[in-house]
N, C-alpha and C. Protein backbone atom coordinates (compact mmCIF):
# COMPACT_ATOMS: atom_id res chain seq x y z
N MET A 1 0.27 -21.64 -4.54
CA MET A 1 -0.49 -20.43 -4.86
C MET A 1 0.37 -19.51 -5.71
N LYS A 2 -0.08 -19.22 -6.92
CA LYS A 2 0.70 -18.36 -7.80
C LYS A 2 0.55 -16.91 -7.34
N THR A 3 1.67 -16.28 -7.03
CA THR A 3 1.66 -15.00 -6.33
C THR A 3 2.51 -13.97 -7.05
N LEU A 4 2.03 -12.73 -7.04
CA LEU A 4 2.78 -11.61 -7.59
C LEU A 4 3.00 -10.57 -6.50
N VAL A 5 4.25 -10.21 -6.27
CA VAL A 5 4.60 -9.13 -5.34
C VAL A 5 4.76 -7.85 -6.14
N VAL A 6 4.07 -6.81 -5.71
CA VAL A 6 4.08 -5.52 -6.42
C VAL A 6 4.70 -4.47 -5.50
N ALA A 7 5.70 -3.74 -6.03
CA ALA A 7 6.33 -2.66 -5.27
C ALA A 7 6.56 -1.48 -6.20
N ALA A 8 6.59 -0.29 -5.63
CA ALA A 8 6.80 0.90 -6.45
C ALA A 8 8.24 1.02 -6.91
N THR A 9 9.18 0.66 -6.04
CA THR A 9 10.60 0.79 -6.35
C THR A 9 11.32 -0.51 -6.04
N GLU A 10 12.39 -0.76 -6.76
CA GLU A 10 13.18 -1.97 -6.50
C GLU A 10 13.82 -1.90 -5.12
N LEU A 11 14.12 -0.68 -4.65
CA LEU A 11 14.71 -0.50 -3.33
C LEU A 11 13.87 -1.15 -2.24
N GLU A 12 12.53 -1.09 -2.41
CA GLU A 12 11.65 -1.60 -1.36
C GLU A 12 11.65 -3.12 -1.24
N ILE A 13 12.08 -3.83 -2.29
CA ILE A 13 12.08 -5.29 -2.24
C ILE A 13 13.42 -5.91 -2.61
N SER A 14 14.46 -5.10 -2.79
CA SER A 14 15.73 -5.63 -3.29
C SER A 14 16.30 -6.72 -2.38
N ALA A 15 16.15 -6.55 -1.07
CA ALA A 15 16.68 -7.55 -0.15
C ALA A 15 15.94 -8.88 -0.24
N SER A 16 14.73 -8.86 -0.78
CA SER A 16 13.91 -10.07 -0.87
C SER A 16 13.95 -10.74 -2.23
N ILE A 17 14.55 -10.12 -3.22
CA ILE A 17 14.52 -10.68 -4.57
C ILE A 17 15.11 -12.10 -4.63
N PRO A 18 16.25 -12.39 -3.97
CA PRO A 18 16.73 -13.77 -4.00
C PRO A 18 15.72 -14.78 -3.45
N THR A 19 15.00 -14.40 -2.38
CA THR A 19 13.98 -15.28 -1.82
C THR A 19 12.80 -15.43 -2.78
N LEU A 20 12.41 -14.34 -3.42
CA LEU A 20 11.31 -14.41 -4.39
C LEU A 20 11.65 -15.35 -5.53
N ILE A 21 12.87 -15.25 -6.02
CA ILE A 21 13.31 -16.13 -7.10
C ILE A 21 13.34 -17.58 -6.64
N GLU A 22 13.88 -17.79 -5.44
CA GLU A 22 13.99 -19.16 -4.90
C GLU A 22 12.64 -19.80 -4.69
N THR A 23 11.63 -19.01 -4.31
CA THR A 23 10.30 -19.55 -4.04
C THR A 23 9.38 -19.49 -5.26
N ASN A 24 9.93 -19.12 -6.41
CA ASN A 24 9.13 -18.98 -7.64
C ASN A 24 7.98 -17.99 -7.48
N THR A 25 8.27 -16.89 -6.79
CA THR A 25 7.30 -15.82 -6.60
C THR A 25 7.61 -14.69 -7.56
N ASP A 26 6.68 -14.38 -8.44
CA ASP A 26 6.90 -13.29 -9.39
C ASP A 26 6.88 -11.94 -8.66
N TYR A 27 7.58 -10.98 -9.23
CA TYR A 27 7.53 -9.63 -8.67
C TYR A 27 7.50 -8.60 -9.79
N LEU A 28 6.90 -7.45 -9.47
CA LEU A 28 6.72 -6.37 -10.44
C LEU A 28 7.07 -5.05 -9.78
N VAL A 29 8.01 -4.31 -10.36
CA VAL A 29 8.36 -2.97 -9.91
C VAL A 29 7.67 -1.99 -10.86
N THR A 30 6.74 -1.22 -10.32
CA THR A 30 5.85 -0.43 -11.17
C THR A 30 6.34 0.97 -11.47
N GLY A 31 7.15 1.53 -10.58
CA GLY A 31 7.42 2.96 -10.61
C GLY A 31 6.53 3.66 -9.60
N VAL A 32 6.89 4.88 -9.25
CA VAL A 32 6.21 5.61 -8.18
C VAL A 32 4.92 6.27 -8.68
N GLY A 33 3.87 6.19 -7.87
CA GLY A 33 2.64 6.91 -8.15
C GLY A 33 1.52 6.03 -8.70
N MET A 34 0.31 6.59 -8.67
CA MET A 34 -0.88 5.85 -9.08
C MET A 34 -0.89 5.53 -10.57
N VAL A 35 -0.47 6.47 -11.39
CA VAL A 35 -0.52 6.25 -12.84
C VAL A 35 0.43 5.13 -13.24
N ALA A 36 1.67 5.19 -12.74
CA ALA A 36 2.66 4.16 -13.07
C ALA A 36 2.22 2.79 -12.55
N THR A 37 1.64 2.77 -11.36
CA THR A 37 1.19 1.51 -10.77
C THR A 37 0.08 0.89 -11.60
N ALA A 38 -0.94 1.68 -11.92
CA ALA A 38 -2.07 1.16 -12.69
C ALA A 38 -1.63 0.68 -14.07
N PHE A 39 -0.77 1.45 -14.74
CA PHE A 39 -0.32 1.06 -16.07
C PHE A 39 0.50 -0.23 -16.02
N SER A 40 1.47 -0.29 -15.12
CA SER A 40 2.36 -1.46 -15.05
C SER A 40 1.58 -2.72 -14.69
N MET A 41 0.66 -2.60 -13.73
CA MET A 41 -0.12 -3.76 -13.34
C MET A 41 -1.05 -4.20 -14.47
N GLY A 42 -1.71 -3.22 -15.12
CA GLY A 42 -2.60 -3.58 -16.21
C GLY A 42 -1.88 -4.28 -17.34
N GLN A 43 -0.71 -3.78 -17.67
CA GLN A 43 0.10 -4.39 -18.72
C GLN A 43 0.53 -5.80 -18.34
N HIS A 44 1.00 -5.96 -17.11
CA HIS A 44 1.50 -7.27 -16.67
C HIS A 44 0.37 -8.29 -16.54
N LEU A 45 -0.75 -7.87 -15.98
CA LEU A 45 -1.84 -8.80 -15.72
C LEU A 45 -2.63 -9.15 -16.98
N SER A 46 -2.40 -8.42 -18.06
CA SER A 46 -3.06 -8.79 -19.30
C SER A 46 -2.47 -10.07 -19.89
N ASN A 47 -1.27 -10.43 -19.43
CA ASN A 47 -0.61 -11.62 -19.95
C ASN A 47 -0.30 -12.67 -18.88
N ASN A 48 -0.66 -12.38 -17.63
CA ASN A 48 -0.34 -13.30 -16.54
C ASN A 48 -1.51 -13.37 -15.57
N SER A 49 -1.74 -14.54 -14.99
CA SER A 49 -2.82 -14.70 -14.01
C SER A 49 -2.23 -15.16 -12.68
N TYR A 50 -2.87 -14.72 -11.58
CA TYR A 50 -2.36 -15.01 -10.24
C TYR A 50 -3.50 -15.33 -9.29
N ASP A 51 -3.15 -16.08 -8.25
CA ASP A 51 -4.10 -16.38 -7.17
C ASP A 51 -4.08 -15.32 -6.09
N LEU A 52 -2.96 -14.55 -6.02
CA LEU A 52 -2.82 -13.54 -4.97
C LEU A 52 -1.86 -12.46 -5.44
N LEU A 53 -2.24 -11.20 -5.19
CA LEU A 53 -1.37 -10.05 -5.42
C LEU A 53 -1.00 -9.46 -4.07
N ILE A 54 0.28 -9.13 -3.90
CA ILE A 54 0.75 -8.56 -2.64
C ILE A 54 1.45 -7.24 -2.93
N ASN A 55 0.94 -6.17 -2.38
CA ASN A 55 1.59 -4.86 -2.49
C ASN A 55 2.37 -4.60 -1.21
N VAL A 56 3.67 -4.38 -1.33
CA VAL A 56 4.49 -4.08 -0.16
C VAL A 56 5.24 -2.77 -0.38
N GLY A 57 5.56 -2.11 0.73
CA GLY A 57 6.30 -0.87 0.62
C GLY A 57 6.34 -0.14 1.94
N ILE A 58 6.85 1.08 1.88
CA ILE A 58 6.93 1.91 3.07
C ILE A 58 5.84 2.98 2.99
N ALA A 59 5.56 3.62 4.12
CA ALA A 59 4.48 4.59 4.19
C ALA A 59 4.73 5.57 5.32
N GLY A 60 4.03 6.70 5.25
CA GLY A 60 4.03 7.65 6.35
C GLY A 60 2.80 7.46 7.21
N THR A 61 2.91 7.81 8.48
CA THR A 61 1.78 7.69 9.41
C THR A 61 1.37 9.06 9.94
N PHE A 62 0.07 9.20 10.19
CA PHE A 62 -0.44 10.41 10.81
C PHE A 62 -0.48 10.31 12.33
N ASN A 63 -0.14 9.14 12.84
CA ASN A 63 -0.22 8.88 14.28
C ASN A 63 1.16 9.01 14.93
N PRO A 64 1.37 10.03 15.76
CA PRO A 64 2.69 10.22 16.38
C PRO A 64 3.06 9.12 17.37
N TYR A 65 2.09 8.29 17.74
CA TYR A 65 2.37 7.20 18.68
C TYR A 65 2.82 5.92 17.98
N HIS A 66 2.76 5.89 16.65
CA HIS A 66 3.27 4.74 15.92
C HIS A 66 4.79 4.71 15.97
N HIS A 67 5.34 3.52 16.04
CA HIS A 67 6.79 3.36 16.01
C HIS A 67 7.28 3.25 14.57
N LEU A 68 8.36 3.94 14.24
CA LEU A 68 8.95 3.78 12.92
C LEU A 68 9.40 2.33 12.76
N GLY A 69 9.15 1.78 11.60
CA GLY A 69 9.48 0.38 11.34
C GLY A 69 8.35 -0.58 11.66
N SER A 70 7.28 -0.10 12.31
CA SER A 70 6.16 -1.00 12.62
C SER A 70 5.42 -1.36 11.34
N ILE A 71 4.83 -2.54 11.33
CA ILE A 71 4.23 -3.10 10.12
C ILE A 71 2.71 -3.13 10.24
N HIS A 72 2.04 -2.83 9.15
CA HIS A 72 0.57 -2.76 9.14
C HIS A 72 0.04 -3.32 7.83
N ARG A 73 -1.17 -3.86 7.88
CA ARG A 73 -1.85 -4.27 6.65
C ARG A 73 -3.00 -3.31 6.39
N ILE A 74 -3.14 -2.92 5.14
CA ILE A 74 -4.14 -1.92 4.77
C ILE A 74 -5.44 -2.62 4.41
N LYS A 75 -6.52 -2.25 5.10
CA LYS A 75 -7.82 -2.86 4.84
C LYS A 75 -8.56 -2.12 3.73
N THR A 76 -8.58 -0.78 3.80
CA THR A 76 -9.18 0.04 2.75
C THR A 76 -8.20 1.15 2.39
N ASP A 77 -8.20 1.54 1.12
CA ASP A 77 -7.31 2.61 0.68
C ASP A 77 -8.12 3.57 -0.20
N ARG A 78 -7.91 4.85 0.03
CA ARG A 78 -8.71 5.89 -0.62
C ARG A 78 -7.82 6.78 -1.49
N ILE A 79 -8.28 7.07 -2.72
CA ILE A 79 -7.62 8.10 -3.52
C ILE A 79 -7.99 9.45 -2.92
N HIS A 80 -7.03 10.11 -2.34
CA HIS A 80 -7.30 11.34 -1.59
C HIS A 80 -7.65 12.50 -2.54
N GLU A 81 -8.72 13.21 -2.19
CA GLU A 81 -9.16 14.40 -2.93
C GLU A 81 -9.40 14.10 -4.41
N PHE A 82 -10.11 13.02 -4.65
CA PHE A 82 -10.53 12.65 -6.00
C PHE A 82 -11.97 13.10 -6.15
N GLY A 83 -12.17 14.23 -6.80
CA GLY A 83 -13.52 14.79 -6.92
C GLY A 83 -13.48 16.24 -7.36
N ALA A 84 -14.31 17.08 -6.75
CA ALA A 84 -14.42 18.47 -7.18
C ALA A 84 -14.58 19.40 -5.98
N GLU A 85 -14.04 20.60 -6.12
CA GLU A 85 -14.25 21.63 -5.10
C GLU A 85 -15.54 22.38 -5.39
N ASN A 86 -16.23 22.75 -4.32
CA ASN A 86 -17.39 23.63 -4.41
C ASN A 86 -17.18 24.73 -3.38
N ASP A 87 -16.46 25.77 -3.79
CA ASP A 87 -16.00 26.83 -2.90
C ASP A 87 -15.14 26.20 -1.81
N GLN A 88 -15.58 26.25 -0.55
CA GLN A 88 -14.77 25.68 0.54
C GLN A 88 -15.09 24.21 0.81
N ASP A 89 -16.06 23.67 0.11
CA ASP A 89 -16.45 22.28 0.31
C ASP A 89 -15.80 21.39 -0.75
N PHE A 90 -15.71 20.10 -0.44
CA PHE A 90 -15.18 19.13 -1.38
C PHE A 90 -16.22 18.06 -1.64
N ILE A 91 -16.43 17.71 -2.91
CA ILE A 91 -17.40 16.68 -3.29
C ILE A 91 -16.63 15.47 -3.81
N PRO A 92 -16.65 14.35 -3.09
CA PRO A 92 -15.93 13.15 -3.56
C PRO A 92 -16.51 12.65 -4.87
N ILE A 93 -15.68 11.96 -5.64
CA ILE A 93 -16.11 11.40 -6.91
C ILE A 93 -17.28 10.46 -6.72
N ASP A 94 -17.35 9.80 -5.56
CA ASP A 94 -18.44 8.88 -5.24
C ASP A 94 -19.78 9.62 -5.24
N SER A 95 -19.78 10.82 -4.64
CA SER A 95 -21.01 11.62 -4.57
C SER A 95 -21.36 12.25 -5.91
N LEU A 96 -20.36 12.50 -6.73
CA LEU A 96 -20.60 13.07 -8.06
C LEU A 96 -21.21 12.05 -9.01
N GLY A 97 -21.05 10.77 -8.68
CA GLY A 97 -21.63 9.73 -9.50
C GLY A 97 -20.79 9.27 -10.67
N PHE A 98 -19.47 9.59 -10.63
CA PHE A 98 -18.59 9.25 -11.75
C PHE A 98 -17.58 8.16 -11.42
N GLY A 99 -17.72 7.52 -10.27
CA GLY A 99 -16.76 6.47 -9.92
C GLY A 99 -16.63 6.31 -8.43
N ASN A 100 -15.60 5.59 -8.04
CA ASN A 100 -15.33 5.33 -6.62
C ASN A 100 -13.94 5.83 -6.25
N SER A 101 -13.78 6.14 -4.99
CA SER A 101 -12.47 6.58 -4.50
C SER A 101 -11.88 5.62 -3.47
N VAL A 102 -12.67 4.64 -3.02
CA VAL A 102 -12.22 3.73 -1.96
C VAL A 102 -12.17 2.30 -2.50
N PHE A 103 -11.05 1.63 -2.24
CA PHE A 103 -10.85 0.27 -2.72
C PHE A 103 -10.32 -0.58 -1.57
N VAL A 104 -10.48 -1.90 -1.68
CA VAL A 104 -10.33 -2.73 -0.48
C VAL A 104 -9.48 -3.98 -0.73
N GLU A 105 -9.00 -4.50 0.38
CA GLU A 105 -8.35 -5.81 0.40
C GLU A 105 -9.36 -6.90 0.06
N ILE A 106 -8.91 -7.89 -0.70
CA ILE A 106 -9.73 -9.08 -0.97
C ILE A 106 -8.91 -10.30 -0.57
N LEU A 107 -9.36 -11.02 0.43
CA LEU A 107 -8.62 -12.19 0.88
C LEU A 107 -8.95 -13.41 0.02
N PRO A 108 -7.97 -14.26 -0.22
CA PRO A 108 -8.24 -15.49 -0.98
C PRO A 108 -9.06 -16.46 -0.15
N GLN A 109 -9.67 -17.43 -0.80
CA GLN A 109 -10.46 -18.43 -0.08
C GLN A 109 -9.59 -19.29 0.82
N LEU A 110 -8.39 -19.60 0.36
CA LEU A 110 -7.47 -20.39 1.19
C LEU A 110 -6.83 -19.51 2.24
N SER A 111 -6.59 -20.08 3.41
CA SER A 111 -5.97 -19.32 4.49
C SER A 111 -4.53 -18.95 4.15
N LEU A 112 -4.12 -17.77 4.59
CA LEU A 112 -2.76 -17.31 4.41
C LEU A 112 -1.93 -17.66 5.65
N PRO A 113 -0.61 -17.61 5.56
CA PRO A 113 0.24 -17.88 6.72
C PRO A 113 -0.05 -16.92 7.87
N ALA A 114 0.24 -17.36 9.09
CA ALA A 114 0.01 -16.54 10.28
C ALA A 114 0.76 -15.22 10.21
N GLU A 115 1.84 -15.17 9.46
CA GLU A 115 2.62 -13.95 9.31
C GLU A 115 1.78 -12.79 8.79
N PHE A 116 0.67 -13.12 8.12
CA PHE A 116 -0.23 -12.06 7.65
C PHE A 116 -1.26 -11.69 8.71
N TYR A 117 -1.92 -12.67 9.28
CA TYR A 117 -3.03 -12.40 10.20
C TYR A 117 -2.56 -11.75 11.50
N ASP A 118 -1.29 -11.90 11.83
CA ASP A 118 -0.76 -11.31 13.05
C ASP A 118 -0.53 -9.80 12.93
N ILE A 119 -0.63 -9.26 11.72
CA ILE A 119 -0.36 -7.83 11.50
C ILE A 119 -1.63 -7.02 11.77
N PRO A 120 -1.52 -5.90 12.49
CA PRO A 120 -2.72 -5.08 12.74
C PRO A 120 -3.20 -4.37 11.48
N TYR A 121 -4.53 -4.24 11.38
CA TYR A 121 -5.15 -3.52 10.27
C TYR A 121 -5.06 -2.00 10.47
N ILE A 122 -5.03 -1.29 9.35
CA ILE A 122 -5.15 0.16 9.37
C ILE A 122 -5.69 0.58 8.01
N ASP A 123 -6.23 1.79 7.89
CA ASP A 123 -6.69 2.30 6.60
C ASP A 123 -5.59 3.15 5.97
N GLY A 124 -5.73 3.39 4.67
CA GLY A 124 -4.73 4.17 3.96
C GLY A 124 -5.35 5.22 3.07
N ILE A 125 -4.57 6.26 2.77
CA ILE A 125 -4.91 7.19 1.70
C ILE A 125 -3.75 7.20 0.71
N THR A 126 -4.09 7.38 -0.55
CA THR A 126 -3.09 7.43 -1.60
C THR A 126 -3.09 8.82 -2.20
N VAL A 127 -1.92 9.40 -2.31
CA VAL A 127 -1.80 10.81 -2.67
C VAL A 127 -0.87 11.00 -3.87
N ASN A 128 -1.04 12.11 -4.55
CA ASN A 128 -0.10 12.53 -5.58
C ASN A 128 0.96 13.46 -5.00
N LYS A 129 0.64 14.06 -3.85
CA LYS A 129 1.56 14.99 -3.19
C LYS A 129 1.67 14.58 -1.73
N ALA A 130 2.85 14.12 -1.32
CA ALA A 130 3.04 13.73 0.08
C ALA A 130 2.83 14.96 0.96
N HIS A 131 2.08 14.78 2.02
CA HIS A 131 1.71 15.91 2.86
C HIS A 131 2.90 16.40 3.70
N GLY A 132 3.05 17.74 3.74
CA GLY A 132 4.10 18.34 4.54
C GLY A 132 3.72 19.71 5.05
N SER A 133 2.42 19.99 5.02
CA SER A 133 1.89 21.27 5.49
C SER A 133 1.07 21.04 6.75
N GLU A 134 1.31 21.83 7.77
CA GLU A 134 0.59 21.66 9.03
C GLU A 134 -0.91 21.80 8.84
N ASP A 135 -1.34 22.71 7.98
CA ASP A 135 -2.78 22.92 7.76
C ASP A 135 -3.43 21.71 7.10
N SER A 136 -2.80 21.19 6.04
CA SER A 136 -3.40 20.06 5.33
C SER A 136 -3.36 18.79 6.19
N ILE A 137 -2.32 18.63 6.98
CA ILE A 137 -2.22 17.47 7.87
C ILE A 137 -3.30 17.53 8.94
N LYS A 138 -3.51 18.71 9.50
CA LYS A 138 -4.55 18.88 10.51
C LYS A 138 -5.93 18.58 9.93
N LYS A 139 -6.15 18.99 8.68
CA LYS A 139 -7.43 18.74 8.02
C LYS A 139 -7.69 17.24 7.87
N ILE A 140 -6.67 16.49 7.47
CA ILE A 140 -6.81 15.05 7.30
C ILE A 140 -7.07 14.38 8.65
N LYS A 141 -6.36 14.79 9.68
CA LYS A 141 -6.56 14.21 11.00
C LYS A 141 -7.98 14.46 11.50
N ASN A 142 -8.49 15.67 11.23
CA ASN A 142 -9.85 15.99 11.66
C ASN A 142 -10.89 15.16 10.91
N GLU A 143 -10.60 14.84 9.64
CA GLU A 143 -11.56 14.11 8.82
C GLU A 143 -11.50 12.60 9.05
N TYR A 144 -10.29 12.06 9.19
CA TYR A 144 -10.13 10.61 9.24
C TYR A 144 -9.59 10.08 10.57
N GLY A 145 -9.09 10.94 11.43
CA GLY A 145 -8.47 10.48 12.66
C GLY A 145 -7.01 10.15 12.46
N LEU A 146 -6.40 9.56 13.49
CA LEU A 146 -4.97 9.27 13.44
C LEU A 146 -4.66 7.91 12.82
N GLY A 147 -5.66 7.03 12.74
CA GLY A 147 -5.43 5.67 12.27
C GLY A 147 -5.34 5.59 10.76
N LEU A 148 -4.26 6.14 10.19
CA LEU A 148 -4.18 6.29 8.75
C LEU A 148 -2.72 6.30 8.31
N LEU A 149 -2.43 5.56 7.22
CA LEU A 149 -1.13 5.62 6.58
C LEU A 149 -1.26 6.27 5.21
N GLU A 150 -0.16 6.85 4.74
CA GLU A 150 -0.15 7.55 3.45
C GLU A 150 0.88 6.92 2.53
N SER A 151 0.44 6.62 1.30
CA SER A 151 1.36 6.15 0.27
C SER A 151 1.00 6.83 -1.04
N MET A 152 1.73 6.48 -2.10
CA MET A 152 1.44 7.05 -3.42
C MET A 152 0.93 6.00 -4.40
N GLU A 153 0.73 4.75 -3.92
CA GLU A 153 0.35 3.68 -4.84
C GLU A 153 -0.78 2.78 -4.35
N GLY A 154 -1.04 2.72 -3.06
CA GLY A 154 -1.90 1.68 -2.50
C GLY A 154 -3.29 1.58 -3.12
N ALA A 155 -3.97 2.71 -3.28
CA ALA A 155 -5.33 2.68 -3.83
C ALA A 155 -5.33 2.22 -5.29
N ALA A 156 -4.29 2.59 -6.03
CA ALA A 156 -4.21 2.15 -7.43
C ALA A 156 -4.00 0.65 -7.50
N PHE A 157 -3.18 0.11 -6.61
CA PHE A 157 -2.99 -1.34 -6.54
C PHE A 157 -4.32 -2.04 -6.27
N PHE A 158 -5.04 -1.59 -5.23
CA PHE A 158 -6.34 -2.18 -4.91
C PHE A 158 -7.33 -2.00 -6.06
N TYR A 159 -7.30 -0.84 -6.71
CA TYR A 159 -8.22 -0.58 -7.82
C TYR A 159 -8.07 -1.64 -8.91
N VAL A 160 -6.85 -1.88 -9.34
CA VAL A 160 -6.62 -2.86 -10.41
C VAL A 160 -7.08 -4.24 -9.97
N ALA A 161 -6.67 -4.63 -8.76
CA ALA A 161 -7.04 -5.95 -8.25
C ALA A 161 -8.55 -6.10 -8.09
N ASN A 162 -9.19 -5.05 -7.57
CA ASN A 162 -10.65 -5.10 -7.40
C ASN A 162 -11.37 -5.20 -8.73
N LYS A 163 -10.92 -4.44 -9.73
CA LYS A 163 -11.56 -4.49 -11.04
C LYS A 163 -11.42 -5.86 -11.68
N LEU A 164 -10.28 -6.50 -11.46
CA LEU A 164 -10.03 -7.81 -12.06
C LEU A 164 -10.46 -8.96 -11.13
N ARG A 165 -10.94 -8.60 -9.94
CA ARG A 165 -11.43 -9.57 -8.96
C ARG A 165 -10.36 -10.60 -8.60
N ILE A 166 -9.17 -10.09 -8.35
CA ILE A 166 -8.05 -10.93 -7.93
C ILE A 166 -7.80 -10.69 -6.44
N PRO A 167 -7.69 -11.74 -5.63
CA PRO A 167 -7.36 -11.55 -4.21
C PRO A 167 -6.11 -10.69 -4.05
N CYS A 168 -6.17 -9.76 -3.09
CA CYS A 168 -5.07 -8.80 -2.96
C CYS A 168 -4.90 -8.37 -1.51
N ILE A 169 -3.66 -8.19 -1.11
CA ILE A 169 -3.35 -7.68 0.22
C ILE A 169 -2.27 -6.61 0.08
N GLN A 170 -2.28 -5.68 1.02
CA GLN A 170 -1.29 -4.60 1.03
C GLN A 170 -0.67 -4.53 2.41
N VAL A 171 0.66 -4.61 2.47
CA VAL A 171 1.38 -4.59 3.74
C VAL A 171 2.46 -3.52 3.65
N ARG A 172 2.52 -2.64 4.67
CA ARG A 172 3.47 -1.54 4.66
C ARG A 172 4.12 -1.35 6.03
N THR A 173 5.36 -0.88 6.00
CA THR A 173 6.03 -0.48 7.24
C THR A 173 6.17 1.04 7.25
N ILE A 174 6.18 1.59 8.45
CA ILE A 174 6.21 3.04 8.62
C ILE A 174 7.64 3.55 8.58
N SER A 175 7.88 4.48 7.66
CA SER A 175 9.21 5.09 7.53
C SER A 175 9.29 6.47 8.15
N ASN A 176 8.13 7.11 8.35
CA ASN A 176 8.16 8.49 8.84
C ASN A 176 6.79 8.91 9.36
N LEU A 177 6.82 9.90 10.22
CA LEU A 177 5.60 10.59 10.63
C LEU A 177 5.28 11.63 9.57
N VAL A 178 4.00 11.72 9.19
CA VAL A 178 3.58 12.76 8.26
C VAL A 178 3.53 14.07 9.04
N GLU A 179 4.44 14.95 8.73
CA GLU A 179 4.58 16.23 9.41
C GLU A 179 5.25 17.20 8.46
N ARG A 180 5.52 18.40 8.92
CA ARG A 180 6.29 19.33 8.10
C ARG A 180 7.59 18.63 7.71
N ARG A 181 7.92 18.64 6.42
CA ARG A 181 8.98 17.77 5.88
C ARG A 181 10.29 17.94 6.65
N ASN A 182 10.74 16.82 7.21
CA ASN A 182 11.99 16.79 7.98
C ASN A 182 12.60 15.40 7.83
N THR A 183 13.40 15.21 6.81
CA THR A 183 13.94 13.87 6.51
C THR A 183 14.86 13.34 7.59
N GLU A 184 15.35 14.22 8.46
CA GLU A 184 16.21 13.75 9.55
C GLU A 184 15.44 12.88 10.53
N ASN A 185 14.12 13.04 10.56
CA ASN A 185 13.29 12.23 11.46
C ASN A 185 12.85 10.91 10.83
N TRP A 186 13.15 10.70 9.56
CA TRP A 186 12.73 9.49 8.87
C TRP A 186 13.68 8.34 9.20
N ASN A 187 13.18 7.12 9.05
CA ASN A 187 14.06 5.95 9.20
C ASN A 187 13.70 4.95 8.11
N ILE A 188 14.07 5.28 6.90
CA ILE A 188 13.78 4.41 5.76
C ILE A 188 14.53 3.08 5.85
N PRO A 189 15.81 3.08 6.26
CA PRO A 189 16.52 1.78 6.37
C PRO A 189 15.81 0.80 7.30
N LEU A 190 15.29 1.27 8.43
CA LEU A 190 14.58 0.38 9.35
C LEU A 190 13.29 -0.12 8.72
N ALA A 191 12.54 0.78 8.06
CA ALA A 191 11.29 0.38 7.41
C ALA A 191 11.55 -0.66 6.33
N LEU A 192 12.61 -0.47 5.56
CA LEU A 192 12.96 -1.44 4.51
C LEU A 192 13.37 -2.78 5.11
N LYS A 193 14.13 -2.74 6.17
CA LYS A 193 14.55 -3.98 6.83
C LYS A 193 13.35 -4.77 7.32
N GLU A 194 12.39 -4.09 7.95
CA GLU A 194 11.24 -4.77 8.53
C GLU A 194 10.30 -5.32 7.45
N ILE A 195 10.07 -4.57 6.38
CA ILE A 195 9.15 -5.07 5.35
C ILE A 195 9.76 -6.26 4.63
N ASN A 196 11.07 -6.25 4.43
CA ASN A 196 11.72 -7.37 3.75
C ASN A 196 11.84 -8.60 4.63
N THR A 197 12.06 -8.39 5.92
CA THR A 197 12.06 -9.52 6.85
C THR A 197 10.71 -10.22 6.83
N TRP A 198 9.65 -9.41 6.86
CA TRP A 198 8.30 -9.99 6.82
C TRP A 198 8.03 -10.68 5.48
N LEU A 199 8.36 -10.02 4.38
CA LEU A 199 8.06 -10.55 3.05
C LEU A 199 8.76 -11.89 2.82
N GLN A 200 10.01 -11.97 3.20
CA GLN A 200 10.75 -13.22 3.00
C GLN A 200 10.14 -14.37 3.79
N SER A 201 9.76 -14.09 5.02
CA SER A 201 9.14 -15.13 5.84
C SER A 201 7.78 -15.53 5.26
N PHE A 202 7.01 -14.53 4.85
CA PHE A 202 5.66 -14.79 4.35
C PHE A 202 5.67 -15.65 3.08
N VAL A 203 6.46 -15.26 2.09
CA VAL A 203 6.43 -16.01 0.83
C VAL A 203 7.05 -17.39 0.99
N THR A 204 8.01 -17.51 1.90
CA THR A 204 8.62 -18.82 2.13
C THR A 204 7.58 -19.81 2.68
N VAL A 205 6.80 -19.35 3.65
CA VAL A 205 5.75 -20.20 4.23
C VAL A 205 4.63 -20.41 3.22
N LEU A 206 4.23 -19.34 2.54
CA LEU A 206 3.13 -19.42 1.58
C LEU A 206 3.42 -20.42 0.48
N GLN A 207 4.59 -20.38 -0.08
CA GLN A 207 4.91 -21.21 -1.23
C GLN A 207 5.30 -22.63 -0.84
N SER A 208 5.49 -22.87 0.46
CA SER A 208 5.80 -24.23 0.90
C SER A 208 4.56 -24.97 1.39
N SER A 209 3.46 -24.24 1.49
CA SER A 209 2.22 -24.86 2.03
C SER A 209 1.43 -25.53 0.92
């Protein structure tokens, strides 16, 4: 299965690059954010075709009961606050009739290794500004609940894959609780270790099957 691993930063997959090379798995480092992700993927996919796209990285969680370093697969990802304000109300782009804000995982017809199916599902939002205000965090929890991860690229990754109708999955590990910004509570090294441990095992099994 010809596979492309997509990450925002080289840091998020650096530990796995030797395994990716060994298993003939292509990888793409896009840069941070939706614009960089969409541009890099569009440019790369205009000259290359794949059976599966995999987005990996770290994310923040709105659920205080989640363990840092825990791994999740994103089923749906939403571009947060993509639309228009109407005084105190917000009108999503979907309701305005100018596009969509929610994009989804597309599984390939062939079964994937158990390393994927064993991961619990969760939904995601993709933001241009990582949340660090108690008021905005409370608003998101009231609207979507606690079962939500936050990244800066996930919806853009799904958007490109959905538009091109390429099977795509997104897997992330939790590096921090979304709260008033306090980097002392983050554990990025653990999140990086866990996502790379999973990625190496997954592509090794995938490319040997």
